[in-house]
């Protein structure tokens, strides 16, 4: 993996005026998160060797894309997508959700062979099954090979509930003023407080 991510370029080789000096450049292009220490060794043809140590750190990259899934309560919804390897050769992979992801997300397959860059790719299926109302579920999907890593932000939501607006009440609780006046007065008369007497 390090061999594919790190290379050395000689900018100024030793010269007659400075036979013991050279300028080189390290180019570090990591394809996944990594932390490592390497040694750069320079050997002179007429004798002599120099060793230099370098700490290489590749931090977590930005997510490659966002996957959104909408599913009803206790129902499973899925989305699928295809991926290929970064190189024109197949590579074993593993797919998983990060530890802080919601447990309602799953991915299949979790292991297998990622198709070469020139192939149709490997199909992944991400599923979401919510079990509680009133929250938005989030997760981070990781697909990685020995040399490459992809990350996806996954967002799970539920369909918005719109209550019906054209439904009328089935029971008419209004009092008609044209009804018996005594009945109307009783309906509007404030109720007297209730007093309880207890015998000892």
N, C-alpha and C. Protein backbone atom coordinates (compact mmCIF):
# COMPACT_ATOMS: atom_id res chain seq x y z
N UNK A 1 0.82 -1.19 0.00
CA UNK A 1 0.00 0.00 0.00
C UNK A 1 0.86 1.25 0.00
N UNK A 2 1.92 1.28 0.79
CA UNK A 2 2.78 2.45 0.85
C UNK A 2 3.51 2.67 -0.46
N UNK A 3 3.85 1.59 -1.15
CA UNK A 3 4.56 1.73 -2.42
C UNK A 3 3.71 2.46 -3.45
N UNK A 4 2.39 2.28 -3.39
CA UNK A 4 1.51 2.95 -4.35
C UNK A 4 1.23 4.39 -3.95
N UNK A 5 1.41 4.74 -2.68
CA UNK A 5 1.07 6.07 -2.21
C UNK A 5 2.27 7.00 -2.11
N UNK A 6 3.49 6.47 -2.12
CA UNK A 6 4.68 7.29 -1.88
C UNK A 6 5.69 7.09 -3.00
N UNK A 7 6.22 8.18 -3.49
CA UNK A 7 7.30 8.10 -4.48
C UNK A 7 8.30 9.22 -4.24
N UNK A 8 9.51 9.03 -4.77
CA UNK A 8 10.62 9.96 -4.56
C UNK A 8 11.06 10.50 -5.91
N UNK A 9 11.23 11.81 -5.98
CA UNK A 9 11.75 12.46 -7.19
C UNK A 9 13.05 13.16 -6.86
N UNK A 10 14.06 12.99 -7.71
CA UNK A 10 15.34 13.67 -7.53
C UNK A 10 15.26 14.99 -8.30
N UNK A 11 15.31 16.08 -7.56
CA UNK A 11 15.23 17.40 -8.19
C UNK A 11 16.60 17.89 -8.63
N UNK A 12 17.61 17.71 -7.78
CA UNK A 12 18.97 18.14 -8.11
C UNK A 12 19.94 17.03 -7.70
N UNK A 13 20.45 16.30 -8.66
CA UNK A 13 21.41 15.24 -8.33
C UNK A 13 22.76 15.83 -7.93
N UNK A 14 23.63 15.02 -7.34
CA UNK A 14 24.98 15.52 -7.00
C UNK A 14 25.69 16.05 -8.24
N UNK A 15 26.47 17.07 -8.05
CA UNK A 15 27.21 17.68 -9.15
C UNK A 15 28.69 17.71 -8.81
N UNK A 16 29.48 18.13 -9.77
CA UNK A 16 30.93 18.21 -9.54
C UNK A 16 31.24 19.24 -8.47
N UNK A 17 30.44 20.32 -8.42
CA UNK A 17 30.68 21.34 -7.42
C UNK A 17 30.21 20.91 -6.04
N UNK A 18 29.19 20.05 -5.98
CA UNK A 18 28.65 19.57 -4.69
C UNK A 18 28.40 18.08 -4.80
N UNK A 19 29.46 17.28 -4.78
CA UNK A 19 29.29 15.83 -4.98
C UNK A 19 28.56 15.13 -3.84
N UNK A 20 28.48 15.76 -2.67
CA UNK A 20 27.82 15.14 -1.51
C UNK A 20 26.44 15.74 -1.24
N UNK A 21 25.90 16.46 -2.17
CA UNK A 21 24.60 17.09 -1.97
C UNK A 21 23.63 16.70 -3.08
N UNK A 22 22.39 16.53 -2.70
CA UNK A 22 21.32 16.24 -3.66
C UNK A 22 20.01 16.73 -3.07
N UNK A 23 19.10 17.10 -3.93
CA UNK A 23 17.78 17.57 -3.49
C UNK A 23 16.72 16.61 -4.03
N UNK A 24 15.95 16.07 -3.11
CA UNK A 24 14.90 15.13 -3.50
C UNK A 24 13.55 15.62 -2.95
N UNK A 25 12.50 15.11 -3.52
CA UNK A 25 11.16 15.47 -3.07
C UNK A 25 10.34 14.20 -2.86
N UNK A 26 9.70 14.14 -1.69
CA UNK A 26 8.80 13.03 -1.39
C UNK A 26 7.38 13.44 -1.78
N UNK A 27 6.71 12.61 -2.54
CA UNK A 27 5.33 12.86 -2.95
C UNK A 27 4.45 11.78 -2.32
N UNK A 28 3.58 12.21 -1.44
CA UNK A 28 2.72 11.29 -0.68
C UNK A 28 1.28 11.50 -1.14
N UNK A 29 0.71 10.51 -1.77
CA UNK A 29 -0.67 10.56 -2.26
C UNK A 29 -1.43 9.35 -1.75
N UNK A 30 -1.85 9.38 -0.49
CA UNK A 30 -2.52 8.22 0.11
C UNK A 30 -3.92 8.04 -0.44
N UNK A 31 -4.35 6.79 -0.52
CA UNK A 31 -5.68 6.46 -1.00
C UNK A 31 -6.60 6.03 0.14
N UNK A 32 -6.08 6.00 1.37
CA UNK A 32 -6.89 5.69 2.53
C UNK A 32 -6.22 6.24 3.77
N UNK A 33 -6.93 6.26 4.86
CA UNK A 33 -6.41 6.77 6.12
C UNK A 33 -5.26 5.89 6.59
N UNK A 34 -4.14 6.53 6.99
CA UNK A 34 -2.96 5.75 7.37
C UNK A 34 -2.04 6.59 8.23
N UNK A 35 -1.27 5.94 9.06
CA UNK A 35 -0.22 6.57 9.84
C UNK A 35 0.98 5.62 9.84
N UNK A 36 2.13 6.08 9.38
CA UNK A 36 3.28 5.19 9.25
C UNK A 36 4.58 6.00 9.30
N UNK A 37 5.66 5.31 9.61
CA UNK A 37 7.01 5.90 9.60
C UNK A 37 7.85 5.17 8.56
N UNK A 38 8.48 5.93 7.70
CA UNK A 38 9.30 5.34 6.64
C UNK A 38 10.73 5.86 6.75
N UNK A 39 11.65 5.13 6.10
CA UNK A 39 13.06 5.53 6.04
C UNK A 39 13.46 5.76 4.59
N UNK A 40 14.09 6.90 4.35
CA UNK A 40 14.63 7.21 3.04
C UNK A 40 16.15 7.02 3.11
N UNK A 41 16.66 6.13 2.28
CA UNK A 41 18.09 5.84 2.28
C UNK A 41 18.72 6.28 0.97
N UNK A 42 19.80 7.06 1.11
CA UNK A 42 20.56 7.53 -0.05
C UNK A 42 21.95 6.91 -0.01
N UNK A 43 22.33 6.28 -1.10
CA UNK A 43 23.63 5.60 -1.17
C UNK A 43 24.48 6.24 -2.27
N UNK A 44 25.72 6.54 -1.93
CA UNK A 44 26.64 7.12 -2.89
C UNK A 44 27.43 6.01 -3.56
N UNK A 45 27.57 6.12 -4.87
CA UNK A 45 28.26 5.06 -5.61
C UNK A 45 29.69 4.87 -5.15
N UNK A 46 30.37 5.93 -4.76
CA UNK A 46 31.77 5.83 -4.33
C UNK A 46 31.91 5.53 -2.85
N UNK A 47 30.77 5.30 -2.18
CA UNK A 47 30.80 4.98 -0.76
C UNK A 47 30.06 6.00 0.07
N UNK A 48 29.37 5.51 1.07
CA UNK A 48 28.61 6.40 1.96
C UNK A 48 27.12 6.11 1.85
N UNK A 49 26.46 6.23 3.00
CA UNK A 49 25.02 6.00 3.02
C UNK A 49 24.38 6.93 4.05
N UNK A 50 23.24 7.49 3.68
CA UNK A 50 22.53 8.40 4.56
C UNK A 50 21.10 7.88 4.74
N UNK A 51 20.59 7.97 5.97
CA UNK A 51 19.24 7.49 6.27
C UNK A 51 18.44 8.63 6.89
N UNK A 52 17.24 8.84 6.37
CA UNK A 52 16.35 9.89 6.86
C UNK A 52 15.00 9.24 7.19
N UNK A 53 14.44 9.63 8.33
CA UNK A 53 13.13 9.11 8.74
C UNK A 53 12.05 10.16 8.50
N UNK A 54 10.87 9.68 8.12
CA UNK A 54 9.73 10.58 7.89
C UNK A 54 8.47 9.93 8.43
N UNK A 55 7.68 10.71 9.14
CA UNK A 55 6.38 10.26 9.63
C UNK A 55 5.31 10.70 8.64
N UNK A 56 4.55 9.74 8.16
CA UNK A 56 3.50 10.00 7.17
C UNK A 56 2.14 9.79 7.82
N UNK A 57 1.30 10.79 7.72
CA UNK A 57 -0.03 10.72 8.32
C UNK A 57 -1.06 11.15 7.27
N UNK A 58 -2.00 10.28 7.00
CA UNK A 58 -3.11 10.61 6.12
C UNK A 58 -4.38 10.63 6.96
N UNK A 59 -4.98 11.79 7.12
CA UNK A 59 -6.18 11.91 7.94
C UNK A 59 -7.41 11.46 7.17
N UNK A 60 -8.52 11.42 7.88
CA UNK A 60 -9.76 10.97 7.27
C UNK A 60 -10.19 11.93 6.16
N UNK A 61 -10.54 11.37 5.03
CA UNK A 61 -10.92 12.18 3.87
C UNK A 61 -12.38 12.61 3.97
N UNK A 62 -12.75 13.57 3.13
CA UNK A 62 -14.15 13.96 3.02
C UNK A 62 -14.96 12.79 2.45
N UNK A 63 -16.24 12.76 2.78
CA UNK A 63 -17.07 11.67 2.27
C UNK A 63 -17.17 11.77 0.75
N UNK A 64 -17.24 10.61 0.10
CA UNK A 64 -17.31 10.58 -1.36
C UNK A 64 -18.70 10.95 -1.87
N UNK A 65 -19.73 10.64 -1.09
CA UNK A 65 -21.09 10.95 -1.53
C UNK A 65 -22.04 10.76 -0.35
N UNK A 66 -23.29 11.19 -0.53
CA UNK A 66 -24.32 11.03 0.50
C UNK A 66 -25.45 10.16 -0.04
N UNK A 67 -25.83 9.18 0.75
CA UNK A 67 -26.92 8.26 0.39
C UNK A 67 -28.12 8.57 1.29
N UNK A 68 -29.27 8.83 0.69
CA UNK A 68 -30.49 9.13 1.45
C UNK A 68 -31.52 8.03 1.21
N UNK A 69 -32.10 7.55 2.31
CA UNK A 69 -33.11 6.48 2.23
C UNK A 69 -34.32 6.90 3.05
N UNK A 70 -35.51 6.67 2.52
CA UNK A 70 -36.74 6.97 3.22
C UNK A 70 -37.54 5.68 3.39
N UNK A 71 -37.94 5.38 4.62
CA UNK A 71 -38.68 4.15 4.90
C UNK A 71 -39.74 4.42 5.95
N UNK A 72 -40.87 3.74 5.85
CA UNK A 72 -41.92 3.85 6.84
C UNK A 72 -41.55 3.05 8.09
N UNK A 73 -42.27 3.31 9.16
CA UNK A 73 -42.02 2.65 10.44
C UNK A 73 -42.09 1.13 10.29
N UNK A 74 -41.04 0.44 10.77
CA UNK A 74 -40.95 -1.02 10.73
C UNK A 74 -41.03 -1.60 9.32
N UNK A 75 -40.69 -0.80 8.34
CA UNK A 75 -40.60 -1.25 6.95
C UNK A 75 -39.17 -1.05 6.46
N UNK A 76 -38.71 -1.96 5.60
CA UNK A 76 -37.34 -1.89 5.09
C UNK A 76 -37.32 -1.30 3.69
N UNK A 77 -36.47 -0.30 3.51
CA UNK A 77 -36.25 0.30 2.19
C UNK A 77 -34.76 0.16 1.85
N UNK A 78 -34.46 -0.03 0.58
CA UNK A 78 -33.07 -0.26 0.16
C UNK A 78 -32.73 0.57 -1.06
N UNK A 79 -31.45 0.91 -1.16
CA UNK A 79 -30.92 1.54 -2.38
C UNK A 79 -29.68 0.74 -2.78
N UNK A 80 -29.39 0.69 -4.06
CA UNK A 80 -28.23 -0.05 -4.55
C UNK A 80 -27.38 0.84 -5.43
N UNK A 81 -26.11 0.56 -5.47
CA UNK A 81 -25.17 1.29 -6.32
C UNK A 81 -24.01 0.37 -6.66
N UNK A 82 -23.28 0.73 -7.70
CA UNK A 82 -22.14 -0.08 -8.14
C UNK A 82 -20.83 0.67 -7.92
N UNK A 83 -19.79 -0.12 -7.63
CA UNK A 83 -18.46 0.44 -7.42
C UNK A 83 -17.43 -0.40 -8.16
N UNK A 84 -16.36 0.25 -8.60
CA UNK A 84 -15.23 -0.45 -9.19
C UNK A 84 -13.97 -0.09 -8.42
N UNK A 85 -12.96 -0.90 -8.58
CA UNK A 85 -11.68 -0.61 -7.97
C UNK A 85 -11.06 0.61 -8.64
N UNK A 86 -10.16 1.26 -7.95
CA UNK A 86 -9.46 2.42 -8.51
C UNK A 86 -8.47 2.01 -9.60
N UNK A 87 -8.07 0.76 -9.56
CA UNK A 87 -7.09 0.24 -10.53
C UNK A 87 -7.77 -0.81 -11.41
N UNK A 88 -7.15 -1.09 -12.54
CA UNK A 88 -7.75 -2.03 -13.49
C UNK A 88 -7.42 -3.47 -13.11
N UNK A 89 -7.77 -3.80 -11.90
CA UNK A 89 -7.61 -5.17 -11.41
C UNK A 89 -8.59 -5.39 -10.26
N UNK A 90 -9.02 -6.62 -10.09
CA UNK A 90 -9.94 -6.93 -8.99
C UNK A 90 -9.20 -6.86 -7.66
N UNK A 91 -9.95 -6.62 -6.59
CA UNK A 91 -9.34 -6.52 -5.26
C UNK A 91 -10.35 -6.97 -4.21
N UNK A 92 -9.91 -7.74 -3.23
CA UNK A 92 -10.82 -8.11 -2.13
C UNK A 92 -11.19 -6.88 -1.32
N UNK A 93 -12.42 -6.84 -0.83
CA UNK A 93 -12.89 -5.68 -0.08
C UNK A 93 -13.66 -6.13 1.15
N UNK A 94 -13.91 -5.18 2.03
CA UNK A 94 -14.86 -5.35 3.12
C UNK A 94 -15.66 -4.06 3.26
N UNK A 95 -16.93 -4.21 3.56
CA UNK A 95 -17.83 -3.06 3.70
C UNK A 95 -18.47 -3.12 5.09
N UNK A 96 -18.56 -1.97 5.74
CA UNK A 96 -19.12 -1.94 7.09
C UNK A 96 -19.55 -0.51 7.43
N UNK A 97 -20.39 -0.41 8.47
CA UNK A 97 -20.78 0.89 8.99
C UNK A 97 -19.90 1.22 10.20
N UNK A 98 -19.50 2.48 10.30
CA UNK A 98 -18.68 2.91 11.42
C UNK A 98 -19.44 2.71 12.74
N UNK A 99 -18.68 2.65 13.84
CA UNK A 99 -19.25 2.32 15.13
C UNK A 99 -20.34 3.30 15.57
N UNK A 100 -20.23 4.57 15.19
CA UNK A 100 -21.21 5.56 15.64
C UNK A 100 -22.41 5.65 14.71
N UNK A 101 -22.57 4.70 13.81
CA UNK A 101 -23.72 4.71 12.89
C UNK A 101 -24.94 4.09 13.56
N UNK A 102 -26.12 4.49 13.09
CA UNK A 102 -27.36 3.92 13.61
C UNK A 102 -27.45 2.44 13.26
N UNK A 103 -27.95 1.65 14.20
CA UNK A 103 -28.05 0.20 14.00
C UNK A 103 -29.11 -0.17 12.98
N UNK A 104 -29.94 0.78 12.59
CA UNK A 104 -31.01 0.51 11.62
C UNK A 104 -30.48 0.40 10.18
N UNK A 105 -29.19 0.65 9.97
CA UNK A 105 -28.59 0.55 8.63
C UNK A 105 -27.86 -0.79 8.49
N UNK A 106 -27.94 -1.39 7.32
CA UNK A 106 -27.16 -2.58 6.99
C UNK A 106 -26.65 -2.45 5.57
N UNK A 107 -25.60 -3.21 5.25
CA UNK A 107 -25.04 -3.21 3.90
C UNK A 107 -24.74 -4.64 3.50
N UNK A 108 -24.95 -4.95 2.25
CA UNK A 108 -24.64 -6.25 1.67
C UNK A 108 -24.03 -6.04 0.28
N UNK A 109 -23.01 -6.82 -0.07
CA UNK A 109 -22.28 -7.79 0.76
C UNK A 109 -21.28 -7.07 1.67
N UNK A 110 -20.85 -7.76 2.71
CA UNK A 110 -19.87 -7.17 3.63
C UNK A 110 -18.44 -7.53 3.23
N UNK A 111 -18.26 -8.58 2.46
CA UNK A 111 -16.95 -8.95 1.92
C UNK A 111 -17.15 -9.48 0.50
N UNK A 112 -16.06 -9.49 -0.25
CA UNK A 112 -16.14 -10.00 -1.61
C UNK A 112 -15.00 -9.47 -2.45
N UNK A 113 -15.20 -9.45 -3.74
CA UNK A 113 -14.18 -8.98 -4.68
C UNK A 113 -14.72 -7.78 -5.43
N UNK A 114 -13.99 -6.69 -5.36
CA UNK A 114 -14.39 -5.46 -6.05
C UNK A 114 -13.93 -5.54 -7.50
N UNK A 115 -14.86 -5.26 -8.42
CA UNK A 115 -14.55 -5.37 -9.83
C UNK A 115 -13.47 -4.40 -10.27
N UNK A 116 -12.76 -4.76 -11.33
CA UNK A 116 -11.70 -3.91 -11.88
C UNK A 116 -12.30 -2.61 -12.41
N UNK A 117 -11.45 -1.62 -12.61
CA UNK A 117 -11.89 -0.29 -13.04
C UNK A 117 -12.65 -0.35 -14.37
N UNK A 118 -12.25 -1.24 -15.27
CA UNK A 118 -12.88 -1.33 -16.58
C UNK A 118 -14.10 -2.26 -16.59
N UNK A 119 -14.47 -2.82 -15.45
CA UNK A 119 -15.60 -3.75 -15.39
C UNK A 119 -16.90 -3.01 -15.09
N UNK A 120 -18.00 -3.77 -15.02
CA UNK A 120 -19.29 -3.18 -14.67
C UNK A 120 -19.39 -2.83 -13.20
N UNK A 121 -18.48 -3.35 -12.40
CA UNK A 121 -18.46 -3.01 -10.99
C UNK A 121 -19.19 -4.03 -10.13
N UNK A 122 -19.09 -3.83 -8.84
CA UNK A 122 -19.74 -4.69 -7.84
C UNK A 122 -20.92 -3.94 -7.24
N UNK A 123 -22.05 -4.63 -7.10
CA UNK A 123 -23.27 -4.00 -6.59
C UNK A 123 -23.34 -4.10 -5.07
N UNK A 124 -23.62 -2.96 -4.44
CA UNK A 124 -23.82 -2.89 -2.99
C UNK A 124 -25.27 -2.47 -2.72
N UNK A 125 -25.85 -3.05 -1.67
CA UNK A 125 -27.23 -2.73 -1.29
C UNK A 125 -27.22 -2.22 0.15
N UNK A 126 -27.69 -1.00 0.35
CA UNK A 126 -27.79 -0.40 1.68
C UNK A 126 -29.27 -0.38 2.07
N UNK A 127 -29.59 -0.93 3.24
CA UNK A 127 -30.98 -1.04 3.70
C UNK A 127 -31.18 -0.23 4.98
N UNK A 128 -32.43 0.19 5.17
CA UNK A 128 -32.79 1.03 6.32
C UNK A 128 -34.15 0.59 6.83
N UNK A 129 -34.24 0.31 8.14
CA UNK A 129 -35.51 -0.11 8.77
C UNK A 129 -35.68 0.66 10.08
N UNK A 130 -36.44 1.76 10.06
CA UNK A 130 -36.61 2.55 11.29
C UNK A 130 -37.56 1.86 12.26
N UNK A 131 -37.28 2.04 13.54
CA UNK A 131 -38.10 1.42 14.58
C UNK A 131 -38.60 2.44 15.60
N UNK A 132 -38.43 3.72 15.31
CA UNK A 132 -38.91 4.77 16.22
C UNK A 132 -39.26 6.00 15.39
N UNK A 133 -40.26 6.74 15.88
CA UNK A 133 -40.69 7.96 15.21
C UNK A 133 -39.87 9.16 15.69
N UNK A 134 -39.92 10.20 14.91
CA UNK A 134 -39.42 11.49 15.38
C UNK A 134 -37.92 11.66 15.40
N UNK A 135 -37.18 10.96 14.59
CA UNK A 135 -35.72 11.15 14.56
C UNK A 135 -35.19 10.91 13.16
N UNK A 136 -34.04 11.50 12.90
CA UNK A 136 -33.33 11.28 11.65
C UNK A 136 -32.13 10.40 11.95
N UNK A 137 -31.97 9.33 11.20
CA UNK A 137 -30.89 8.37 11.42
C UNK A 137 -29.71 8.72 10.51
N UNK A 138 -28.51 8.61 11.06
CA UNK A 138 -27.30 8.89 10.28
C UNK A 138 -26.29 7.77 10.47
N UNK A 139 -25.44 7.61 9.49
CA UNK A 139 -24.39 6.59 9.56
C UNK A 139 -23.30 6.89 8.57
N UNK A 140 -22.19 6.19 8.70
CA UNK A 140 -21.07 6.33 7.76
C UNK A 140 -20.70 4.95 7.24
N UNK A 141 -20.87 4.77 5.94
CA UNK A 141 -20.55 3.51 5.28
C UNK A 141 -19.12 3.57 4.77
N UNK A 142 -18.36 2.51 5.06
CA UNK A 142 -16.97 2.43 4.63
C UNK A 142 -16.78 1.20 3.75
N UNK A 143 -16.20 1.39 2.59
CA UNK A 143 -15.81 0.29 1.71
C UNK A 143 -14.31 0.44 1.48
N UNK A 144 -13.55 -0.61 1.80
CA UNK A 144 -12.11 -0.49 1.69
C UNK A 144 -11.47 -1.76 1.15
N UNK A 145 -10.38 -1.54 0.42
CA UNK A 145 -9.49 -2.61 -0.02
C UNK A 145 -8.15 -2.40 0.68
N UNK A 146 -7.16 -3.18 0.31
CA UNK A 146 -5.85 -3.01 0.93
C UNK A 146 -5.22 -1.67 0.59
N UNK A 147 -5.60 -1.08 -0.55
CA UNK A 147 -4.95 0.14 -1.00
C UNK A 147 -5.89 1.34 -1.09
N UNK A 148 -7.18 1.15 -0.97
CA UNK A 148 -8.13 2.23 -1.23
C UNK A 148 -9.25 2.20 -0.22
N UNK A 149 -9.86 3.38 0.00
CA UNK A 149 -10.96 3.48 0.94
C UNK A 149 -11.98 4.50 0.43
N UNK A 150 -13.27 4.15 0.51
CA UNK A 150 -14.36 5.06 0.16
C UNK A 150 -15.27 5.20 1.37
N UNK A 151 -15.79 6.39 1.60
CA UNK A 151 -16.72 6.62 2.71
C UNK A 151 -17.96 7.34 2.18
N UNK A 152 -19.11 6.96 2.73
CA UNK A 152 -20.38 7.55 2.32
C UNK A 152 -21.18 7.95 3.56
N UNK A 153 -21.73 9.14 3.55
CA UNK A 153 -22.65 9.56 4.60
C UNK A 153 -24.03 9.01 4.24
N UNK A 154 -24.66 8.32 5.19
CA UNK A 154 -25.97 7.71 4.96
C UNK A 154 -26.98 8.38 5.88
N UNK A 155 -28.09 8.84 5.31
CA UNK A 155 -29.13 9.53 6.06
C UNK A 155 -30.44 8.77 5.86
N UNK A 156 -31.07 8.39 6.97
CA UNK A 156 -32.36 7.69 6.92
C UNK A 156 -33.46 8.55 7.50
N UNK A 157 -34.58 8.63 6.79
CA UNK A 157 -35.70 9.45 7.25
C UNK A 157 -37.00 8.69 7.00
N UNK A 158 -38.07 9.19 7.57
CA UNK A 158 -39.39 8.60 7.41
C UNK A 158 -40.29 9.55 6.63
N UNK A 159 -41.28 9.01 5.90
CA UNK A 159 -42.18 9.88 5.14
C UNK A 159 -42.89 10.88 6.05
N UNK A 160 -43.05 12.10 5.58
CA UNK A 160 -43.74 13.11 6.37
C UNK A 160 -45.23 12.81 6.42
N UNK A 161 -45.80 12.94 7.60
CA UNK A 161 -47.23 12.68 7.77
C UNK A 161 -48.01 13.97 7.59
N UNK A 162 -48.92 13.98 6.62
CA UNK A 162 -49.80 15.12 6.39
C UNK A 162 -51.22 14.74 6.81
N UNK A 163 -51.73 15.28 7.91
CA UNK A 163 -53.09 14.93 8.36
C UNK A 163 -54.12 15.41 7.34
N UNK A 164 -55.22 14.66 7.18
CA UNK A 164 -56.25 15.07 6.22
C UNK A 164 -56.89 16.39 6.63
N UNK A 165 -57.13 17.23 5.63
CA UNK A 165 -57.67 18.56 5.90
C UNK A 165 -59.13 18.70 5.53
N UNK A 166 -59.72 17.72 4.84
CA UNK A 166 -61.10 17.83 4.37
C UNK A 166 -62.04 16.87 5.10
N UNK A 167 -61.67 16.49 6.31
CA UNK A 167 -62.49 15.56 7.09
C UNK A 167 -63.31 16.36 8.09
N UNK A 168 -64.63 16.19 8.09
CA UNK A 168 -65.51 16.88 9.03
C UNK A 168 -65.86 15.95 10.18
N UNK A 169 -66.26 16.54 11.31
CA UNK A 169 -66.62 15.73 12.48
C UNK A 169 -67.92 15.00 12.23
N UNK A 170 -68.02 13.80 12.74
CA UNK A 170 -69.22 12.99 12.57
C UNK A 170 -70.30 13.30 13.61
N UNK A 171 -69.95 13.94 14.73
CA UNK A 171 -70.90 14.27 15.79
C UNK A 171 -71.02 15.78 15.87
N UNK A 172 -72.24 16.30 15.77
CA UNK A 172 -72.48 17.73 15.86
C UNK A 172 -72.69 18.10 17.32
N UNK A 173 -71.70 18.76 17.91
CA UNK A 173 -71.77 19.11 19.33
C UNK A 173 -72.30 20.52 19.55
N UNK A 174 -72.68 21.21 18.50
CA UNK A 174 -73.19 22.56 18.64
C UNK A 174 -74.64 22.56 19.16
N UNK A 175 -75.01 23.61 19.90
CA UNK A 175 -76.37 23.76 20.42
C UNK A 175 -77.10 24.77 19.54
N UNK A 176 -78.24 24.36 19.02
CA UNK A 176 -79.02 25.21 18.13
C UNK A 176 -79.79 26.23 18.96
N UNK A 177 -79.59 27.51 18.68
CA UNK A 177 -80.28 28.56 19.43
C UNK A 177 -81.79 28.53 19.19
N UNK A 178 -82.18 27.91 18.08
CA UNK A 178 -83.61 27.84 17.79
C UNK A 178 -84.31 26.73 18.57
N UNK A 179 -83.53 25.95 19.32
CA UNK A 179 -84.13 24.87 20.10
C UNK A 179 -84.87 25.45 21.30
N UNK A 180 -85.39 24.58 22.16
CA UNK A 180 -86.12 25.01 23.35
C UNK A 180 -85.26 25.99 24.14
N UNK A 181 -85.73 27.21 24.44
CA UNK A 181 -84.91 28.20 25.18
C UNK A 181 -84.42 27.69 26.51
N UNK A 182 -85.23 26.90 27.21
CA UNK A 182 -84.79 26.39 28.51
C UNK A 182 -83.61 25.44 28.35
N UNK A 183 -83.63 24.64 27.28
CA UNK A 183 -82.51 23.73 27.02
C UNK A 183 -81.25 24.53 26.72
N UNK A 184 -81.39 25.59 25.95
CA UNK A 184 -80.24 26.42 25.58
C UNK A 184 -79.62 27.09 26.80
N UNK A 185 -80.50 27.56 27.73
CA UNK A 185 -80.00 28.21 28.93
C UNK A 185 -79.26 27.22 29.82
N UNK A 186 -79.78 26.00 29.91
CA UNK A 186 -79.12 24.99 30.74
C UNK A 186 -77.73 24.68 30.20
N UNK A 187 -77.61 24.65 28.88
CA UNK A 187 -76.32 24.33 28.27
C UNK A 187 -75.28 25.42 28.55
N UNK A 188 -75.77 26.68 28.66
CA UNK A 188 -74.84 27.79 28.88
C UNK A 188 -74.64 28.12 30.34
N UNK A 189 -75.50 27.58 31.24
CA UNK A 189 -75.43 27.91 32.65
C UNK A 189 -74.17 27.33 33.27
N UNK A 190 -73.36 28.15 33.97
CA UNK A 190 -72.16 27.60 34.63
C UNK A 190 -72.53 26.59 35.69
N UNK A 191 -71.74 25.57 35.81
CA UNK A 191 -72.01 24.51 36.77
C UNK A 191 -71.58 24.95 38.16
N UNK A 192 -72.43 24.69 39.17
CA UNK A 192 -72.09 25.02 40.55
C UNK A 192 -71.05 24.05 41.06
N UNK A 193 -70.18 24.51 41.95
CA UNK A 193 -69.16 23.61 42.50
C UNK A 193 -69.81 22.46 43.27
N UNK A 194 -69.17 21.34 43.25
CA UNK A 194 -69.69 20.14 43.90
C UNK A 194 -69.13 20.06 45.31
N UNK A 195 -70.00 19.91 46.28
CA UNK A 195 -69.59 19.83 47.68
C UNK A 195 -69.85 18.42 48.19
N UNK A 196 -68.87 17.84 48.84
CA UNK A 196 -68.98 16.49 49.37
C UNK A 196 -69.02 16.56 50.90
N UNK A 197 -69.89 15.77 51.50
CA UNK A 197 -69.96 15.69 52.96
C UNK A 197 -69.56 14.28 53.37
N UNK A 198 -68.66 14.18 54.31
CA UNK A 198 -68.18 12.88 54.79
C UNK A 198 -68.62 12.71 56.24
N UNK A 199 -69.19 11.56 56.56
CA UNK A 199 -69.57 11.23 57.92
C UNK A 199 -68.41 10.56 58.63
N UNK A 200 -68.20 10.96 59.88
CA UNK A 200 -67.16 10.33 60.68
C UNK A 200 -67.76 9.33 61.65
